Every structure is written in structure tokens, then in C-alpha cells.
Amino acid sequence: MADSATRETGTLWQRRARGFCQNLLPQSRVQKCWCSTASDQCSDPKSPQEALVSSYPYSHGAYDLQGFRVFSGCEVTVAERADFIVLGEIRDIWDLDHAFPRPLFEGYSVPAPDFLKTARGKNVILIAAHPYCEGKELAKLPLAEVLAHVDTVEVNGRDHGSERRVASLAAEAGLPLTGGSDAHYYLEVGTRSTILPSNALTFERVRSALKANRTRVHCKPYARSVGEPCKQIKRALKVRMEYAASTTAAA
């Protein structure tokens, strides 16, 4: 992005990581937000702060790492094997996590209708993640009901070829688009991002931009060349982990 643009806009990076990010430093004049999941940390509402960096201030739904804004959030996989991203204050995420018979962080698999209805009653931003991801398609759910509950639809960092379908889906529902890199490796971070009409990023301003449908999705030109090898690495590691688990079980 050119300097003239960076003075007027903020960039929201979404990354699904297990745990909270640490040791992040400012990287440009644009304030960036990093969406991290609290799924492994929410057994104690104080542990996300401790897992991030206890010395950094937290306000308006984000940590301030010397200008680098790190938003608190999580990714939830519902019983039907579709994903939703939740952004919000840590206390609100904690409340959502514990609004079901068992906390979600313990592996409780909540049906999508129950999750959507409950999440919509909380002070959170709800994102429909990668709607055409193989195996986790939103189409397996009642789409009208899903789109009536979410705030935005994500164009994922691994969406190469389905971007127009995602844009059409959001447009038909009257929803804004957001970009998420869905990075599993550091090279993928920021390959997709959301451009917002504000350089002072807070939870409230992100939500206001979404309600006004004033977001744009940005894609790095090298996104596909980085994403494909990282996808293969992920698959190889998954096979290795499954083999290790089966070997341990057989021992």
C-alpha cells in the first residue's frame, strides 16, 4: 500500500493460531490487527492476557503492542464441520465459550443453529469463514439462517478461484467482505487482509465499518505461490501426526 493510503486506512489481518501471539513488533505505519484464537486459553479468563504479553495494555478488544493492534478472538468449528470467526472483548468470548452445556474449548461440538443464535446475543463480531473450503462448506448449513446471523463473509487466504463466488454470496445477503490469511505458517500472514476506513482501529470501529459495508479485501500478489507449498507442508505434518498417534496407540 502507498503511503497516502496507509495514512487513511487500517489493515485487519486475520490469522488462526492455537494460542495467542507473542513478541510482535510494529511493522509499518498502518496499524494491524491480528485475530488469534483463545480456544486453548479460555479455561481462565485471565490466561489470554498472560499468554499474550502481560505487560502490554488491553482496551477496546485489542492489545496495543507499540501501535501493533492484536485483537482477541477465536475460531469455532460447529458440529456440522463449518467454521466461524469470533472477535470481541475477552470477557465476551469467555461468556460465549461457557454458554453451552460444556465449554467449547473443551471440545464441545455445538450445532450451528444453537451457536449462531447464542453468539448473536453476545457483544461480538461474527464472521462466516471460508464458505467454500472443501469439507467445511457453509452450503451444508441452511445458508439463509447462517447469513442472517453473521456480520460478514470471509475471503480466505486459500481461496484461489472461488473469490467471486464468495463475493456473490455476500452481495446477495447484503453483507460486507473481510479478508483473512488463515496463516498456518508465518509466510502466509497478511496474504489476505481487510482494509478499513480508519487508522485508529478498535473493536467498535471495526464493527462500525462492517455495519456500513465499508470494507475492502486486499490480496498479496504472492498469495498463491506461498499458500500452495504451505498447504502441502500442513498435509504432510498431519499425516505424520496421525501416524505417530496410531503407533502410540498400538504400542
C-alpha atoms as a PDB file:
ATOM      1  CA  MET A   1       0.000   0.000   0.000  1.00  0.00           C
ATOM      2  CA  ALA A   2       1.196   3.515  -0.781  1.00  0.00           C
ATOM      3  CA  ASP A   3       1.927   5.971   1.990  1.00  0.00           C
ATOM      4  CA  SER A   4      -1.100   8.071   1.083  1.00  0.00           C
ATOM      5  CA  ALA A   5      -3.314   5.066   1.608  1.00  0.00           C
ATOM      6  CA  THR A   6      -1.685   3.984   4.846  1.00  0.00           C
ATOM      7  CA  ARG A   7      -2.433   7.307   6.465  1.00  0.00           C
ATOM      8  CA  GLU A   8      -6.145   6.929   5.781  1.00  0.00           C
ATOM      9  CA  THR A   9      -6.832   3.264   6.302  1.00  0.00           C
ATOM     10  CA  GLY A  10      -6.178   0.475   8.720  1.00  0.00           C
ATOM     11  CA  THR A  11      -5.495  -3.130   7.848  1.00  0.00           C
ATOM     12  CA  LEU A  12      -7.063  -6.052   9.657  1.00  0.00           C
ATOM     13  CA  TRP A  13      -5.091  -9.270   9.404  1.00  0.00           C
ATOM     14  CA  GLN A  14      -6.823 -12.454  10.447  1.00  0.00           C
ATOM     15  CA  ARG A  15      -4.756 -15.429  11.461  1.00  0.00           C
ATOM     16  CA  ARG A  16      -5.995 -18.603  13.072  1.00  0.00           C
ATOM     17  CA  ALA A  17      -3.380 -19.735  15.558  1.00  0.00           C
ATOM     18  CA  ARG A  18      -3.600 -22.013  18.554  1.00  0.00           C
ATOM     19  CA  GLY A  19      -2.943 -19.699  21.445  1.00  0.00           C
ATOM     20  CA  PHE A  20      -2.122 -16.029  21.450  1.00  0.00           C
ATOM     21  CA  CYS A  21       0.627 -14.279  19.534  1.00  0.00           C
ATOM     22  CA  GLN A  22       3.765 -13.157  21.284  1.00  0.00           C
ATOM     23  CA  ASN A  23       6.754 -10.959  20.536  1.00  0.00           C
ATOM     24  CA  LEU A  24       5.086  -8.942  17.780  1.00  0.00           C
ATOM     25  CA  LEU A  25       6.611  -5.635  16.770  1.00  0.00           C
ATOM     26  CA  PRO A  26       5.299  -2.700  14.725  1.00  0.00           C
ATOM     27  CA  GLN A  27       5.932  -3.355  11.031  1.00  0.00           C
ATOM     28  CA  SER A  28       4.581  -0.300   9.189  1.00  0.00           C
ATOM     29  CA  ARG A  29       2.676   2.935   9.573  1.00  0.00           C
ATOM     30  CA  VAL A  30      -0.581   1.019   9.230  1.00  0.00           C
ATOM     31  CA  GLN A  31      -1.969  -0.319  12.483  1.00  0.00           C
ATOM     32  CA  LYS A  32      -2.600  -4.018  12.054  1.00  0.00           C
ATOM     33  CA  CYS A  33      -4.918  -6.326  13.913  1.00  0.00           C
ATOM     34  CA  TRP A  34      -4.135  -9.979  14.354  1.00  0.00           C
ATOM     35  CA  CYS A  35      -7.055 -12.291  15.091  1.00  0.00           C
ATOM     36  CA  SER A  36      -5.903 -15.060  17.428  1.00  0.00           C
ATOM     37  CA  THR A  37      -7.892 -17.848  18.952  1.00  0.00           C
ATOM     38  CA  ALA A  38      -8.412 -18.258  22.657  1.00  0.00           C
ATOM     39  CA  SER A  39      -9.623 -21.840  22.272  1.00  0.00           C
ATOM     40  CA  ASP A  40      -6.735 -23.269  24.276  1.00  0.00           C
ATOM     41  CA  GLN A  41      -6.615 -20.422  26.755  1.00  0.00           C
ATOM     42  CA  CYS A  42     -10.204 -19.786  27.872  1.00  0.00           C
ATOM     43  CA  SER A  43     -10.283 -22.113  30.881  1.00  0.00           C
ATOM     44  CA  ASP A  44      -9.333 -18.974  32.814  1.00  0.00           C
ATOM     45  CA  PRO A  45     -10.484 -15.537  31.636  1.00  0.00           C
ATOM     46  CA  LYS A  46      -7.115 -14.109  32.676  1.00  0.00           C
ATOM     47  CA  SER A  47      -4.951 -16.589  30.796  1.00  0.00           C
ATOM     48  CA  PRO A  48      -5.214 -14.940  27.324  1.00  0.00           C
ATOM     49  CA  GLN A  49      -3.592 -11.786  28.710  1.00  0.00           C
ATOM     50  CA  GLU A  50      -0.871 -13.856  30.341  1.00  0.00           C
ATOM     51  CA  ALA A  51      -0.367 -15.915  27.181  1.00  0.00           C
ATOM     52  CA  LEU A  52      -0.022 -12.816  25.014  1.00  0.00           C
ATOM     53  CA  VAL A  53       2.279 -10.410  26.832  1.00  0.00           C
ATOM     54  CA  SER A  54       1.153  -9.341  30.289  1.00  0.00           C
ATOM     55  CA  SER A  55       2.983  -6.023  30.073  1.00  0.00           C
ATOM     56  CA  TYR A  56       1.010  -4.715  27.076  1.00  0.00           C
ATOM     57  CA  PRO A  57      -2.210  -2.745  27.627  1.00  0.00           C
ATOM     58  CA  TYR A  58      -5.560  -4.187  26.562  1.00  0.00           C
ATOM     59  CA  SER A  59      -8.511  -1.988  25.616  1.00  0.00           C
ATOM     60  CA  HIS A  60     -11.348  -1.832  23.093  1.00  0.00           C
ATOM     61  CA  GLY A  61     -10.977  -5.525  22.313  1.00  0.00           C
ATOM     62  CA  ALA A  62      -7.282  -5.432  21.442  1.00  0.00           C
ATOM     63  CA  TYR A  63      -3.784  -5.420  22.861  1.00  0.00           C
ATOM     64  CA  ASP A  64      -1.590  -2.474  21.915  1.00  0.00           C
ATOM     65  CA  LEU A  65       1.920  -3.662  21.115  1.00  0.00           C
ATOM     66  CA  GLN A  66       3.509  -0.270  20.464  1.00  0.00           C
ATOM     67  CA  GLY A  67       1.000   0.508  17.719  1.00  0.00           C
ATOM     68  CA  PHE A  68       0.536  -3.084  16.563  1.00  0.00           C
ATOM     69  CA  ARG A  69      -3.082  -3.899  17.432  1.00  0.00           C
ATOM     70  CA  VAL A  70      -3.748  -7.533  18.395  1.00  0.00           C
ATOM     71  CA  PHE A  71      -7.457  -8.303  18.596  1.00  0.00           C
ATOM     72  CA  SER A  72      -8.809 -11.056  20.806  1.00  0.00           C
ATOM     73  CA  GLY A  73     -10.956 -13.648  19.088  1.00  0.00           C
ATOM     74  CA  CYS A  74     -11.396 -17.296  18.265  1.00  0.00           C
ATOM     75  CA  GLU A  75     -12.341 -19.704  15.515  1.00  0.00           C
ATOM     76  CA  VAL A  76     -15.209 -22.066  16.300  1.00  0.00           C
ATOM     77  CA  THR A  77     -15.886 -25.293  14.418  1.00  0.00           C
ATOM     78  CA  VAL A  78     -19.537 -26.269  14.832  1.00  0.00           C
ATOM     79  CA  ALA A  79     -20.885 -29.822  14.872  1.00  0.00           C
ATOM     80  CA  GLU A  80     -21.572 -29.752  11.123  1.00  0.00           C
ATOM     81  CA  ARG A  81     -17.859 -29.070  10.487  1.00  0.00           C
ATOM     82  CA  ALA A  82     -18.138 -25.453   9.358  1.00  0.00           C
ATOM     83  CA  ASP A  83     -16.082 -22.613  10.831  1.00  0.00           C
ATOM     84  CA  PHE A  84     -16.921 -19.211  12.262  1.00  0.00           C
ATOM     85  CA  ILE A  85     -14.548 -16.496  13.483  1.00  0.00           C
ATOM     86  CA  VAL A  86     -15.487 -14.504  16.559  1.00  0.00           C
ATOM     87  CA  LEU A  87     -13.961 -11.150  17.514  1.00  0.00           C
ATOM     88  CA  GLY A  88     -14.725  -9.491  20.817  1.00  0.00           C
ATOM     89  CA  GLU A  89     -13.636  -8.492  24.279  1.00  0.00           C
ATOM     90  CA  ILE A  90     -12.039 -11.357  26.190  1.00  0.00           C
ATOM     91  CA  ARG A  91     -14.843 -11.359  28.750  1.00  0.00           C
ATOM     92  CA  ASP A  92     -17.474 -11.637  25.982  1.00  0.00           C
ATOM     93  CA  ILE A  93     -15.591 -14.509  24.347  1.00  0.00           C
ATOM     94  CA  TRP A  94     -15.372 -16.184  27.741  1.00  0.00           C
ATOM     95  CA  ASP A  95     -19.137 -15.796  28.181  1.00  0.00           C
ATOM     96  CA  LEU A  96     -19.799 -17.273  24.742  1.00  0.00           C
ATOM     97  CA  ASP A  97     -17.429 -20.165  25.377  1.00  0.00           C
ATOM     98  CA  HIS A  98     -19.304 -21.043  28.576  1.00  0.00           C
ATOM     99  CA  ALA A  99     -22.844 -20.527  27.242  1.00  0.00           C
ATOM    100  CA  PHE A 100     -23.225 -24.205  26.284  1.00  0.00           C
ATOM    101  CA  PRO A 101     -23.565 -27.456  28.270  1.00  0.00           C
ATOM    102  CA  ARG A 102     -19.755 -27.710  28.164  1.00  0.00           C
ATOM    103  CA  PRO A 103     -17.185 -25.049  27.268  1.00  0.00           C
ATOM    104  CA  LEU A 104     -16.212 -25.022  23.602  1.00  0.00           C
ATOM    105  CA  PHE A 105     -12.522 -25.030  24.495  1.00  0.00           C
ATOM    106  CA  GLU A 106     -13.016 -28.489  25.998  1.00  0.00           C
ATOM    107  CA  GLY A 107     -14.031 -29.776  22.576  1.00  0.00           C
ATOM    108  CA  TYR A 108     -17.788 -29.478  22.937  1.00  0.00           C
ATOM    109  CA  SER A 109     -19.316 -29.639  19.456  1.00  0.00           C
ATOM    110  CA  VAL A 110     -22.304 -27.315  19.285  1.00  0.00           C
ATOM    111  CA  PRO A 111     -24.808 -27.466  16.398  1.00  0.00           C
ATOM    112  CA  ALA A 112     -24.615 -24.441  14.116  1.00  0.00           C
ATOM    113  CA  PRO A 113     -28.155 -23.100  14.827  1.00  0.00           C
ATOM    114  CA  ASP A 114     -27.509 -23.122  18.580  1.00  0.00           C
ATOM    115  CA  PHE A 115     -24.109 -21.494  18.197  1.00  0.00           C
ATOM    116  CA  LEU A 116     -25.323 -18.772  15.839  1.00  0.00           C
ATOM    117  CA  LYS A 117     -28.320 -17.884  17.987  1.00  0.00           C
ATOM    118  CA  THR A 118     -26.195 -17.744  21.147  1.00  0.00           C
ATOM    119  CA  ALA A 119     -23.339 -15.802  19.550  1.00  0.00           C
ATOM    120  CA  ARG A 120     -25.757 -13.265  18.082  1.00  0.00           C
ATOM    121  CA  GLY A 121     -26.875 -12.464  21.617  1.00  0.00           C
ATOM    122  CA  LYS A 122     -23.320 -11.561  22.633  1.00  0.00           C
ATOM    123  CA  ASN A 123     -21.330  -8.395  22.008  1.00  0.00           C
ATOM    124  CA  VAL A 124     -19.120  -9.961  19.340  1.00  0.00           C
ATOM    125  CA  ILE A 125     -18.375  -9.765  15.616  1.00  0.00           C
ATOM    126  CA  LEU A 126     -19.309 -12.980  13.839  1.00  0.00           C
ATOM    127  CA  ILE A 127     -17.568 -13.926  10.569  1.00  0.00           C
ATOM    128  CA  ALA A 128     -18.541 -16.760   8.228  1.00  0.00           C
ATOM    129  CA  ALA A 129     -15.139 -18.287   7.485  1.00  0.00           C
ATOM    130  CA  HIS A 130     -14.016 -19.730   4.121  1.00  0.00           C
ATOM    131  CA  PRO A 131     -17.539 -20.624   2.908  1.00  0.00           C
ATOM    132  CA  TYR A 132     -16.298 -22.831   0.047  1.00  0.00           C
ATOM    133  CA  CYS A 133     -13.429 -24.586   1.829  1.00  0.00           C
ATOM    134  CA  GLU A 134     -13.524 -28.287   0.897  1.00  0.00           C
ATOM    135  CA  GLY A 135     -15.019 -30.281   3.750  1.00  0.00           C
ATOM    136  CA  LYS A 136     -16.141 -27.174   5.634  1.00  0.00           C
ATOM    137  CA  GLU A 137     -18.566 -25.637   3.166  1.00  0.00           C
ATOM    138  CA  LEU A 138     -21.254 -23.349   4.533  1.00  0.00           C
ATOM    139  CA  ALA A 139     -23.638 -24.904   1.991  1.00  0.00           C
ATOM    140  CA  LYS A 140     -24.058 -27.898   4.295  1.00  0.00           C
ATOM    141  CA  LEU A 141     -25.877 -25.490   6.636  1.00  0.00           C
ATOM    142  CA  PRO A 142     -29.130 -23.579   5.991  1.00  0.00           C
ATOM    143  CA  LEU A 143     -27.444 -20.624   4.252  1.00  0.00           C
ATOM    144  CA  ALA A 144     -30.252 -18.129   4.768  1.00  0.00           C
ATOM    145  CA  GLU A 145     -30.149 -18.713   8.515  1.00  0.00           C
ATOM    146  CA  VAL A 146     -26.351 -18.520   8.656  1.00  0.00           C
ATOM    147  CA  LEU A 147     -26.132 -15.293   6.663  1.00  0.00           C
ATOM    148  CA  ALA A 148     -28.890 -13.718   8.760  1.00  0.00           C
ATOM    149  CA  HIS A 149     -26.747 -14.172  11.890  1.00  0.00           C
ATOM    150  CA  VAL A 150     -23.218 -13.224  10.742  1.00  0.00           C
ATOM    151  CA  ASP A 151     -21.738  -9.756  10.307  1.00  0.00           C
ATOM    152  CA  THR A 152     -19.520 -10.521   7.329  1.00  0.00           C
ATOM    153  CA  VAL A 153     -18.241 -13.233   4.974  1.00  0.00           C
ATOM    154  CA  GLU A 154     -14.553 -14.052   4.708  1.00  0.00           C
ATOM    155  CA  VAL A 155     -12.454 -14.248   1.563  1.00  0.00           C
ATOM    156  CA  ASN A 156      -9.844 -16.715   2.764  1.00  0.00           C
ATOM    157  CA  GLY A 157      -6.130 -16.708   2.064  1.00  0.00           C
ATOM    158  CA  ARG A 158      -6.560 -20.132   0.488  1.00  0.00           C
ATOM    159  CA  ASP A 159      -9.393 -19.026  -1.792  1.00  0.00           C
ATOM    160  CA  HIS A 160      -7.833 -19.065  -5.238  1.00  0.00           C
ATOM    161  CA  GLY A 161     -10.559 -19.299  -7.833  1.00  0.00           C
ATOM    162  CA  SER A 162     -13.597 -19.078  -5.553  1.00  0.00           C
ATOM    163  CA  GLU A 163     -13.282 -15.397  -4.663  1.00  0.00           C
ATOM    164  CA  ARG A 164     -16.095 -14.338  -6.982  1.00  0.00           C
ATOM    165  CA  ARG A 165     -18.410 -16.969  -5.554  1.00  0.00           C
ATOM    166  CA  VAL A 166     -17.689 -15.659  -2.063  1.00  0.00           C
ATOM    167  CA  ALA A 167     -18.269 -12.063  -3.188  1.00  0.00           C
ATOM    168  CA  SER A 168     -21.567 -13.034  -4.835  1.00  0.00           C
ATOM    169  CA  LEU A 169     -22.683 -14.893  -1.716  1.00  0.00           C
ATOM    170  CA  ALA A 170     -22.002 -11.844   0.450  1.00  0.00           C
ATOM    171  CA  ALA A 171     -23.602  -9.427  -2.037  1.00  0.00           C
ATOM    172  CA  GLU A 172     -26.800 -11.468  -2.277  1.00  0.00           C
ATOM    173  CA  ALA A 173     -27.083 -11.365   1.519  1.00  0.00           C
ATOM    174  CA  GLY A 174     -26.192  -7.675   1.720  1.00  0.00           C
ATOM    175  CA  LEU A 175     -23.095  -8.443   3.809  1.00  0.00           C
ATOM    176  CA  PRO A 176     -19.611  -6.910   3.665  1.00  0.00           C
ATOM    177  CA  LEU A 177     -16.498  -8.910   2.832  1.00  0.00           C
ATOM    178  CA  THR A 178     -13.454  -9.394   5.040  1.00  0.00           C
ATOM    179  CA  GLY A 179     -10.108 -10.920   4.160  1.00  0.00           C
ATOM    180  CA  GLY A 180      -8.290 -13.468   6.303  1.00  0.00           C
ATOM    181  CA  SER A 181      -4.934 -15.041   5.598  1.00  0.00           C
ATOM    182  CA  ASP A 182      -5.731 -18.150   7.682  1.00  0.00           C
ATOM    183  CA  ALA A 183      -1.984 -18.496   8.125  1.00  0.00           C
ATOM    184  CA  HIS A 184      -0.570 -21.737   9.445  1.00  0.00           C
ATOM    185  CA  TYR A 185       2.991 -20.581   8.690  1.00  0.00           C
ATOM    186  CA  TYR A 186       4.493 -17.128   9.068  1.00  0.00           C
ATOM    187  CA  LEU A 187       4.999 -16.704   5.307  1.00  0.00           C
ATOM    188  CA  GLU A 188       1.223 -16.713   4.851  1.00  0.00           C
ATOM    189  CA  VAL A 189       0.483 -13.944   7.346  1.00  0.00           C
ATOM    190  CA  GLY A 190      -1.148 -10.982   5.623  1.00  0.00           C
ATOM    191  CA  THR A 191      -1.709 -12.668   2.254  1.00  0.00           C
ATOM    192  CA  ARG A 192      -5.347 -11.626   2.632  1.00  0.00           C
ATOM    193  CA  SER A 193      -6.384  -8.645   4.701  1.00  0.00           C
ATOM    194  CA  THR A 194      -9.285  -6.289   5.304  1.00  0.00           C
ATOM    195  CA  ILE A 195      -8.899  -2.602   4.534  1.00  0.00           C
ATOM    196  CA  LEU A 196     -10.927  -0.371   6.853  1.00  0.00           C
ATOM    197  CA  PRO A 197     -11.644   3.378   6.561  1.00  0.00           C
ATOM    198  CA  SER A 198      -9.903   4.176   9.837  1.00  0.00           C
ATOM    199  CA  ASN A 199      -6.319   4.275  11.017  1.00  0.00           C
ATOM    200  CA  ALA A 200      -7.270   4.091  14.717  1.00  0.00           C
ATOM    201  CA  LEU A 201      -8.501   0.530  14.925  1.00  0.00           C
ATOM    202  CA  THR A 202     -10.747  -0.502  17.791  1.00  0.00           C
ATOM    203  CA  PHE A 203     -13.383  -3.188  18.132  1.00  0.00           C
ATOM    204  CA  GLU A 204     -16.093  -0.526  17.846  1.00  0.00           C
ATOM    205  CA  ARG A 205     -14.617   0.964  14.661  1.00  0.00           C
ATOM    206  CA  VAL A 206     -14.223  -2.444  13.052  1.00  0.00           C
ATOM    207  CA  ARG A 207     -17.865  -3.213  13.798  1.00  0.00           C
ATOM    208  CA  SER A 208     -18.996   0.207  12.538  1.00  0.00           C
ATOM    209  CA  ALA A 209     -17.117  -0.301   9.260  1.00  0.00           C
ATOM    210  CA  LEU A 210     -18.776  -3.681   8.812  1.00  0.00           C
ATOM    211  CA  LYS A 211     -22.243  -2.322   9.530  1.00  0.00           C
ATOM    212  CA  ALA A 212     -21.674   0.459   6.992  1.00  0.00           C
ATOM    213  CA  ASN A 213     -20.323  -2.058   4.448  1.00  0.00           C
ATOM    214  CA  ARG A 214     -17.121  -0.020   4.150  1.00  0.00           C
ATOM    215  CA  THR A 215     -14.516  -2.755   3.960  1.00  0.00           C
ATOM    216  CA  ARG A 216     -12.265  -3.877   1.114  1.00  0.00           C
ATOM    217  CA  VAL A 217     -10.326  -7.112   0.741  1.00  0.00           C
ATOM    218  CA  HIS A 218      -6.662  -6.953  -0.228  1.00  0.00           C
ATOM    219  CA  CYS A 219      -4.661  -9.872  -1.601  1.00  0.00           C
ATOM    220  CA  LYS A 220      -0.872 -10.008  -1.794  1.00  0.00           C
ATOM    221  CA  PRO A 221       0.381 -10.834  -5.314  1.00  0.00           C
ATOM    222  CA  TYR A 222       2.398 -13.784  -3.997  1.00  0.00           C
ATOM    223  CA  ALA A 223      -0.501 -15.327  -2.045  1.00  0.00           C
ATOM    224  CA  ARG A 224      -0.934 -18.394  -4.272  1.00  0.00           C
ATOM    225  CA  SER A 225       2.796 -19.140  -4.611  1.00  0.00           C
ATOM    226  CA  VAL A 226       3.165 -19.068  -0.822  1.00  0.00           C
ATOM    227  CA  GLY A 227      -0.113 -20.779   0.025  1.00  0.00           C
ATOM    228  CA  GLU A 228       0.293 -23.919  -2.079  1.00  0.00           C
ATOM    229  CA  PRO A 229       3.618 -25.140  -0.615  1.00  0.00           C
ATOM    230  CA  CYS A 230       2.425 -24.280   2.908  1.00  0.00           C
ATOM    231  CA  LYS A 231      -0.705 -26.357   2.288  1.00  0.00           C
ATOM    232  CA  GLN A 232       1.430 -29.328   1.285  1.00  0.00           C
ATOM    233  CA  ILE A 233       3.594 -28.928   4.382  1.00  0.00           C
ATOM    234  CA  LYS A 234       0.464 -28.865   6.551  1.00  0.00           C
ATOM    235  CA  ARG A 235      -0.839 -32.059   4.938  1.00  0.00           C
ATOM    236  CA  ALA A 236       2.496 -33.817   5.393  1.00  0.00           C
ATOM    237  CA  LEU A 237       2.648 -32.833   9.058  1.00  0.00           C
ATOM    238  CA  LYS A 238      -0.925 -34.001   9.580  1.00  0.00           C
ATOM    239  CA  VAL A 239      -0.086 -37.420   8.122  1.00  0.00           C
ATOM    240  CA  ARG A 240       2.978 -37.584  10.341  1.00  0.00           C
ATOM    241  CA  MET A 241       0.956 -36.727  13.451  1.00  0.00           C
ATOM    242  CA  GLU A 242      -1.717 -39.302  12.587  1.00  0.00           C
ATOM    243  CA  TYR A 243       0.944 -41.955  12.068  1.00  0.00           C
ATOM    244  CA  ALA A 244       2.620 -41.090  15.374  1.00  0.00           C
ATOM    245  CA  ALA A 245      -0.734 -41.269  17.167  1.00  0.00           C
ATOM    246  CA  SER A 246      -1.605 -44.670  15.654  1.00  0.00           C
ATOM    247  CA  THR A 247       1.852 -46.026  16.517  1.00  0.00           C
ATOM    248  CA  THR A 248       1.482 -44.853  20.118  1.00  0.00           C
ATOM    249  CA  ALA A 249      -1.986 -46.372  20.383  1.00  0.00           C
ATOM    250  CA  ALA A 250      -0.741 -49.716  19.043  1.00  0.00           C
ATOM    251  CA  ALA A 251       2.205 -49.852  21.466  1.00  0.00           C
END
